[in-house]
C-alpha atoms as a PDB file:
ATOM      1  CA  MET A   1     -23.360  -0.784  -2.196  1.00  0.00           C
ATOM      2  CA  HIS A   2     -21.239  -2.132  -5.102  1.00  0.00           C
ATOM      3  CA  VAL A   3     -21.725  -0.468  -8.496  1.00  0.00           C
ATOM      4  CA  ILE A   4     -19.953  -1.073 -11.858  1.00  0.00           C
ATOM      5  CA  ASN A   5     -20.185   2.145 -13.867  1.00  0.00           C
ATOM      6  CA  SER A   6     -20.308   2.504 -17.673  1.00  0.00           C
ATOM      7  CA  PHE A   7     -16.492   2.494 -17.831  1.00  0.00           C
ATOM      8  CA  GLY A   8     -16.301  -0.880 -16.204  1.00  0.00           C
ATOM      9  CA  GLN A   9     -15.040   0.592 -12.929  1.00  0.00           C
ATOM     10  CA  ASN A  10     -16.029  -0.940  -9.642  1.00  0.00           C
ATOM     11  CA  LYS A  11     -17.198   1.526  -7.025  1.00  0.00           C
ATOM     12  CA  ILE A  12     -18.004   0.609  -3.494  1.00  0.00           C
ATOM     13  CA  PHE A  13     -20.219   3.051  -1.659  1.00  0.00           C
ATOM     14  CA  GLU A  14     -20.603   3.320   2.098  1.00  0.00           C
ATOM     15  CA  PHE A  15     -23.357   5.693   3.099  1.00  0.00           C
ATOM     16  CA  LYS A  16     -23.623   7.308   6.498  1.00  0.00           C
ATOM     17  CA  SER A  17     -26.264   9.655   7.762  1.00  0.00           C
ATOM     18  CA  PRO A  18     -26.160  13.222   6.472  1.00  0.00           C
ATOM     19  CA  ASN A  19     -26.691  14.244  10.125  1.00  0.00           C
ATOM     20  CA  LEU A  20     -23.314  12.793  11.099  1.00  0.00           C
ATOM     21  CA  SER A  21     -20.215  14.957  10.823  1.00  0.00           C
ATOM     22  CA  PRO A  22     -17.050  13.054   9.808  1.00  0.00           C
ATOM     23  CA  TYR A  23     -15.103  15.016  12.469  1.00  0.00           C
ATOM     24  CA  LYS A  24     -15.523  16.089  15.978  1.00  0.00           C
ATOM     25  CA  GLN A  25     -13.687  18.612  18.176  1.00  0.00           C
ATOM     26  CA  GLY A  26     -10.889  16.728  19.999  1.00  0.00           C
ATOM     27  CA  ASP A  27      -9.813  17.591  23.604  1.00  0.00           C
ATOM     28  CA  GLU A  28      -6.121  17.822  22.899  1.00  0.00           C
ATOM     29  CA  TYR A  29      -4.948  20.994  21.137  1.00  0.00           C
ATOM     30  CA  LYS A  30      -8.545  21.674  20.031  1.00  0.00           C
ATOM     31  CA  ARG A  31      -7.957  19.867  16.736  1.00  0.00           C
ATOM     32  CA  LEU A  32     -10.601  17.948  14.794  1.00  0.00           C
ATOM     33  CA  LYS A  33     -10.635  14.152  15.097  1.00  0.00           C
ATOM     34  CA  ALA A  34     -12.374  11.553  13.020  1.00  0.00           C
ATOM     35  CA  THR A  35     -15.598  10.272  14.406  1.00  0.00           C
ATOM     36  CA  LYS A  36     -16.176   6.589  15.100  1.00  0.00           C
ATOM     37  CA  GLU A  37     -18.583   6.416  12.189  1.00  0.00           C
ATOM     38  CA  LEU A  38     -15.980   7.643   9.737  1.00  0.00           C
ATOM     39  CA  LEU A  39     -13.343   5.223  10.929  1.00  0.00           C
ATOM     40  CA  GLU A  40     -15.828   2.342  10.763  1.00  0.00           C
ATOM     41  CA  ALA A  41     -16.789   3.428   7.165  1.00  0.00           C
ATOM     42  CA  ILE A  42     -13.144   3.432   6.132  1.00  0.00           C
ATOM     43  CA  ASP A  43     -12.708  -0.023   7.773  1.00  0.00           C
ATOM     44  CA  GLU A  44     -15.626  -1.342   5.929  1.00  0.00           C
ATOM     45  CA  ILE A  45     -14.417   0.030   2.615  1.00  0.00           C
ATOM     46  CA  ILE A  46     -11.041  -1.473   3.053  1.00  0.00           C
ATOM     47  CA  SER A  47     -12.435  -4.844   4.090  1.00  0.00           C
ATOM     48  CA  TYR A  48     -14.697  -4.964   1.043  1.00  0.00           C
ATOM     49  CA  ILE A  49     -11.971  -3.911  -1.372  1.00  0.00           C
ATOM     50  CA  ARG A  50      -9.735  -6.610   0.101  1.00  0.00           C
ATOM     51  CA  ARG A  51     -12.436  -9.347  -0.172  1.00  0.00           C
ATOM     52  CA  THR A  52     -13.190  -8.226  -3.746  1.00  0.00           C
ATOM     53  CA  GLY A  53      -9.561  -8.472  -4.696  1.00  0.00           C
ATOM     54  CA  LEU A  54      -9.154 -11.900  -3.076  1.00  0.00           C
ATOM     55  CA  ASN A  55     -12.221 -13.188  -4.887  1.00  0.00           C
ATOM     56  CA  ALA A  56     -11.253 -11.674  -8.223  1.00  0.00           C
ATOM     57  CA  ASN A  57      -9.427 -14.881  -9.283  1.00  0.00           C
ATOM     58  CA  PHE A  58     -12.616 -16.923  -9.067  1.00  0.00           C
ATOM     59  CA  LEU A  59     -14.892 -14.461 -10.841  1.00  0.00           C
ATOM     60  CA  PRO A  60     -13.555 -14.818 -14.445  1.00  0.00           C
ATOM     61  CA  GLN A  61     -14.802 -18.343 -14.452  1.00  0.00           C
ATOM     62  CA  MET A  62     -18.307 -16.973 -13.796  1.00  0.00           C
ATOM     63  CA  GLY A  63     -17.960 -14.343 -16.557  1.00  0.00           C
ATOM     64  CA  LEU A  64     -17.221 -11.497 -14.203  1.00  0.00           C
ATOM     65  CA  LYS A  65     -14.171  -9.396 -13.925  1.00  0.00           C
ATOM     66  CA  ILE A  66     -13.288  -6.925 -11.152  1.00  0.00           C
ATOM     67  CA  ILE A  67     -10.637  -4.258 -11.965  1.00  0.00           C
ATOM     68  CA  GLU A  68      -9.172  -2.251  -9.032  1.00  0.00           C
ATOM     69  CA  PRO A  69     -12.302  -1.338  -6.982  1.00  0.00           C
ATOM     70  CA  SER A  70     -12.335   1.962  -5.263  1.00  0.00           C
ATOM     71  CA  GLY A  71     -14.493   3.169  -2.327  1.00  0.00           C
ATOM     72  CA  ILE A  72     -16.525   6.300  -1.700  1.00  0.00           C
ATOM     73  CA  ILE A  73     -17.795   7.248   1.736  1.00  0.00           C
ATOM     74  CA  VAL A  74     -20.665   9.643   1.782  1.00  0.00           C
ATOM     75  CA  ILE A  75     -21.114  11.322   5.183  1.00  0.00           C
ATOM     76  CA  GLY A  76     -22.161  14.684   6.506  1.00  0.00           C
ATOM     77  CA  TYR A  77     -23.902  17.728   5.189  1.00  0.00           C
ATOM     78  CA  ASN A  78     -23.128  21.428   5.333  1.00  0.00           C
ATOM     79  CA  LEU A  79     -19.728  21.056   6.914  1.00  0.00           C
ATOM     80  CA  ASP A  80     -17.860  24.148   8.150  1.00  0.00           C
ATOM     81  CA  ALA A  81     -14.685  25.406   6.517  1.00  0.00           C
ATOM     82  CA  GLU A  82     -12.331  23.704   8.913  1.00  0.00           C
ATOM     83  CA  GLU A  83     -14.035  20.353   8.379  1.00  0.00           C
ATOM     84  CA  ILE A  84     -14.026  20.678   4.590  1.00  0.00           C
ATOM     85  CA  THR A  85     -10.273  21.514   4.686  1.00  0.00           C
ATOM     86  CA  LEU A  86      -9.534  18.484   6.843  1.00  0.00           C
ATOM     87  CA  LEU A  87     -11.746  16.287   4.513  1.00  0.00           C
ATOM     88  CA  GLU A  88      -9.704  17.494   1.514  1.00  0.00           C
ATOM     89  CA  THR A  89      -6.469  16.556   3.342  1.00  0.00           C
ATOM     90  CA  TRP A  90      -7.763  13.049   4.156  1.00  0.00           C
ATOM     91  CA  ASN A  91      -8.725  12.555   0.520  1.00  0.00           C
ATOM     92  CA  GLN A  92      -5.228  13.540  -0.621  1.00  0.00           C
ATOM     93  CA  PHE A  93      -3.788  10.643   1.482  1.00  0.00           C
ATOM     94  CA  LEU A  94      -6.580   8.129   0.724  1.00  0.00           C
ATOM     95  CA  TYR A  95      -6.688   8.765  -3.043  1.00  0.00           C
ATOM     96  CA  PRO A  96      -6.960   6.803  -5.348  1.00  0.00           C
ATOM     97  CA  HIS A  97      -8.447   3.957  -3.336  1.00  0.00           C
ATOM     98  CA  ILE A  98     -10.935   5.773  -1.050  1.00  0.00           C
ATOM     99  CA  ARG A  99     -12.631   9.175  -1.250  1.00  0.00           C
ATOM    100  CA  ILE A 100     -14.835  10.834   1.404  1.00  0.00           C
ATOM    101  CA  ILE A 101     -17.498  13.099   0.112  1.00  0.00           C
ATOM    102  CA  THR A 102     -20.447  14.979   1.657  1.00  0.00           C
ATOM    103  CA  TYR A 103     -24.044  14.823   0.732  1.00  0.00           C
ATOM    104  CA  ASN A 104     -23.663  18.380  -0.611  1.00  0.00           C
ATOM    105  CA  SER A 105     -21.082  17.143  -3.087  1.00  0.00           C
ATOM    106  CA  LEU A 106     -23.129  14.087  -4.039  1.00  0.00           C
ATOM    107  CA  LEU A 107     -26.196  16.188  -4.755  1.00  0.00           C
ATOM    108  CA  SER A 108     -24.172  18.723  -6.737  1.00  0.00           C
ATOM    109  CA  LYS A 109     -22.685  16.021  -8.924  1.00  0.00           C
ATOM    110  CA  ALA A 110     -26.121  14.377  -9.447  1.00  0.00           C
ATOM    111  CA  LYS A 111     -27.561  17.748 -10.605  1.00  0.00           C
ATOM    112  CA  GLN A 112     -24.719  18.079 -13.063  1.00  0.00           C
ATOM    113  CA  GLU A 113     -25.380  14.697 -14.493  1.00  0.00           C
ATOM    114  CA  ILE A 114     -29.125  15.252 -14.735  1.00  0.00           C
ATOM    115  CA  SER A 115     -28.550  18.638 -16.526  1.00  0.00           C
ATOM    116  CA  LEU A 116     -26.687  16.740 -19.248  1.00  0.00           C
ATOM    117  CA  PHE A 117     -29.933  14.983 -20.119  1.00  0.00           C
ATOM    118  CA  ASP A 118     -31.552  18.333 -20.969  1.00  0.00           C
ATOM    119  CA  LYS A 119     -28.937  18.834 -23.682  1.00  0.00           C
ATOM    120  CA  ILE A 120     -29.801  15.516 -25.490  1.00  0.00           C
END
């Protein structure tokens, strides 16, 4: 899903099932590994950002302007502490182009935004 927010920023969302964990237990050294679904989501986001950037030259003629799109992958729900730590580490390396968030985080942010309407 491609969204342009009120600040004119282009956000590309890739939604995966909340039942899918972004990581699985690996065989070697018992460390967590990225799941196939997470890797596919990252590939999709990168491909879409790349296509959007390549097409940005044609869009001004049509009255559209795309400024540095970024991607957000939404995957997993109620992750354990080890998975959350690994997700934060991945986000440090992928930032500012891609972020991985959980449905818990998405719901929390949505509740914050909705609570702002109560103050109006």
